[in-house]
Structures are given as C-alpha cells and as structure tokens.
Amino acid sequence: MSNETKRDVFVDAVDALADAQASGGNVGHQDANLFMAEYDNALPDDLPTIPLAVSEHIKQDYGKTTLFDELAWAFQDSFDSSEVNEWITNNEDIFAEAWSRGLWVVEETGEVTSYDG
C-alpha cells in the first residue's frame, strides 16, 4: 500500500503544470488522465492517527466485536492494557473513526495501516 495522499498527487500535478508552462510545453489529456488515476488510488488526507498499541488492539478485535462494544468496554476498564483503555476513553472519536474507516496512521511510525495491514 502506498502512503501517497490525494494532496501529494495534487501537488505533483501542479508542479508538472508549472514545469510544462516554464519550458513552453503543456500538460495534455494523457497526463491529466494519469494524474486522475493516481488521485483516485491515493489515500485520503485526513486519516486518523493512533498509537501503535491501539492499532494492534483494533487489528486483534475487529470482526470479533462491534465498535459500540469496544467503546463500552473502554469505559469499564475491560481491556488488558490500561494504556489502550485510557487512550480509547480519552480519544473515542478518533478511535471510532479509525475503527469505522478501517485505515489509520500509526503515530510512532507514520505507517498507514488497516485491519489486515
């Protein structure tokens, strides 16, 4: 999985256009189609960022429980790790977004990952 975001593709396209104009050339439809294909395949710019321990927790529990159960358990101190429990309790919106989207950035590594990544 590439870590290229939609903004990265946009910046590349703008740079290519500026370079083409500076050299007296142009960016044609074929170039535009390539950029659009890259844009379609690029990651969203606003992925949630979560700690590695929480990432591992999501990977372990996704498909076995529901988001509602996860949030309820966090408030009951039911997780093995108090670090995970505390983070989820204090960041339930970010946790819910990562769980729901199935895609997030690991805080310690900057790696984009998913349930099966």
Protein backbone atom coordinates (compact mmCIF):
# COMPACT_ATOMS: atom_id res chain seq x y z
CA MET A 1 0.00 0.00 0.00
CA SER A 2 1.35 3.38 -1.00
CA ASN A 3 1.34 6.21 1.54
CA GLU A 4 0.72 8.80 -1.18
CA THR A 5 -2.18 11.06 -0.25
CA LYS A 6 -4.56 12.95 -2.50
CA ARG A 7 -2.75 16.18 -1.61
CA ASP A 8 0.58 14.63 -2.71
CA VAL A 9 -0.93 13.83 -6.12
CA PHE A 10 -2.38 17.34 -6.39
CA VAL A 11 0.99 18.92 -5.58
CA ASP A 12 2.67 16.69 -8.19
CA ALA A 13 0.12 17.75 -10.81
CA VAL A 14 0.57 21.45 -10.04
CA ASP A 15 4.36 21.05 -10.20
CA ALA A 16 4.09 19.27 -13.57
CA LEU A 17 1.87 22.04 -14.91
CA ALA A 18 4.27 24.74 -13.68
CA ASP A 19 7.25 22.92 -15.20
CA ALA A 20 5.43 22.50 -18.51
CA GLN A 21 4.49 26.18 -18.65
CA ALA A 22 8.03 27.27 -17.74
CA SER A 23 9.51 25.18 -20.53
CA GLY A 24 6.94 26.30 -23.12
CA GLY A 25 5.22 22.91 -23.16
CA ASN A 26 1.87 21.82 -21.91
CA VAL A 27 0.16 19.10 -19.92
CA GLY A 28 -2.11 17.09 -22.20
CA HIS A 29 -5.13 14.89 -21.63
CA GLN A 30 -2.97 11.79 -21.28
CA ASP A 31 -1.04 13.43 -18.43
CA ALA A 32 -4.26 14.61 -16.83
CA ASN A 33 -5.70 11.10 -17.03
CA LEU A 34 -2.59 9.68 -15.33
CA PHE A 35 -2.88 12.22 -12.51
CA MET A 36 -6.58 11.47 -12.11
CA ALA A 37 -5.87 7.73 -11.88
CA GLU A 38 -3.20 8.39 -9.24
CA TYR A 39 -5.61 10.68 -7.39
CA ASP A 40 -8.33 8.02 -7.37
CA ASN A 41 -5.90 5.49 -5.89
CA ALA A 42 -4.34 7.85 -3.34
CA LEU A 43 -5.17 7.78 0.36
CA PRO A 44 -7.38 10.41 1.99
CA ASP A 45 -5.50 13.35 3.51
CA ASP A 46 -7.26 13.21 6.86
CA LEU A 47 -6.64 9.70 8.19
CA PRO A 48 -6.81 9.41 11.98
CA THR A 49 -3.51 8.95 13.81
CA ILE A 50 -3.46 6.44 16.67
CA PRO A 51 -0.79 4.88 18.94
CA LEU A 52 0.76 1.55 17.96
CA ALA A 53 -0.83 -0.25 20.94
CA VAL A 54 -4.29 0.92 19.89
CA SER A 55 -3.56 -0.07 16.29
CA GLU A 56 -2.67 -3.59 17.42
CA HIS A 57 -5.82 -3.69 19.55
CA ILE A 58 -8.02 -2.79 16.58
CA LYS A 59 -6.33 -5.40 14.39
CA GLN A 60 -6.87 -8.02 17.09
CA ASP A 61 -10.51 -7.22 17.89
CA TYR A 62 -12.01 -6.05 14.60
CA GLY A 63 -14.57 -8.57 13.38
CA LYS A 64 -14.87 -10.15 16.83
CA THR A 65 -16.66 -7.23 18.49
CA THR A 66 -18.56 -4.12 17.48
CA LEU A 67 -17.47 -0.51 17.78
CA PHE A 68 -20.17 0.01 20.41
CA ASP A 69 -18.79 -2.88 22.49
CA GLU A 70 -15.26 -1.52 22.19
CA LEU A 71 -16.25 1.91 23.44
CA ALA A 72 -18.38 0.46 26.25
CA TRP A 73 -15.52 -1.81 27.35
CA ALA A 74 -13.08 1.08 27.35
CA PHE A 75 -15.24 2.93 29.85
CA GLN A 76 -15.41 -0.19 32.04
CA ASP A 77 -11.62 -0.77 32.12
CA SER A 78 -12.12 -4.15 30.44
CA PHE A 79 -9.03 -4.16 28.24
CA ASP A 80 -5.82 -5.97 29.11
CA SER A 81 -3.84 -2.76 28.64
CA SER A 82 -4.71 0.26 30.72
CA GLU A 83 -2.73 2.34 28.19
CA VAL A 84 -5.09 1.26 25.39
CA ASN A 85 -8.13 1.67 27.61
CA GLU A 86 -7.14 5.17 28.69
CA TRP A 87 -6.34 6.29 25.14
CA ILE A 88 -9.65 5.00 23.76
CA THR A 89 -11.58 6.62 26.62
CA ASN A 90 -9.87 9.97 26.01
CA ASN A 91 -9.99 9.78 22.20
CA GLU A 92 -13.20 7.93 21.43
CA ASP A 93 -13.93 9.99 18.30
CA ILE A 94 -10.51 9.25 16.77
CA PHE A 95 -10.78 5.58 17.76
CA ALA A 96 -14.27 5.33 16.25
CA GLU A 97 -13.08 6.94 13.02
CA ALA A 98 -10.10 4.56 12.71
CA TRP A 99 -12.32 1.54 13.50
CA SER A 100 -15.02 2.65 11.05
CA ARG A 101 -12.74 3.66 8.18
CA GLY A 102 -10.50 0.65 8.57
CA LEU A 103 -7.48 2.77 7.74
CA TRP A 104 -5.27 4.87 10.02
CA VAL A 105 -1.76 6.22 10.60
CA VAL A 106 0.35 4.65 13.37
CA GLU A 107 1.64 7.51 15.49
CA GLU A 108 5.08 6.09 16.27
CA THR A 109 5.99 5.01 12.73
CA GLY A 110 3.89 7.20 10.41
CA GLU A 111 2.84 3.99 8.66
CA VAL A 112 -0.62 3.82 7.12
CA THR A 113 -2.22 0.54 8.14
CA SER A 114 -5.54 -1.27 8.24
CA TYR A 115 -7.26 -4.23 9.86
CA ASP A 116 -5.21 -6.67 7.83
CA GLY A 117 -2.15 -4.49 7.27
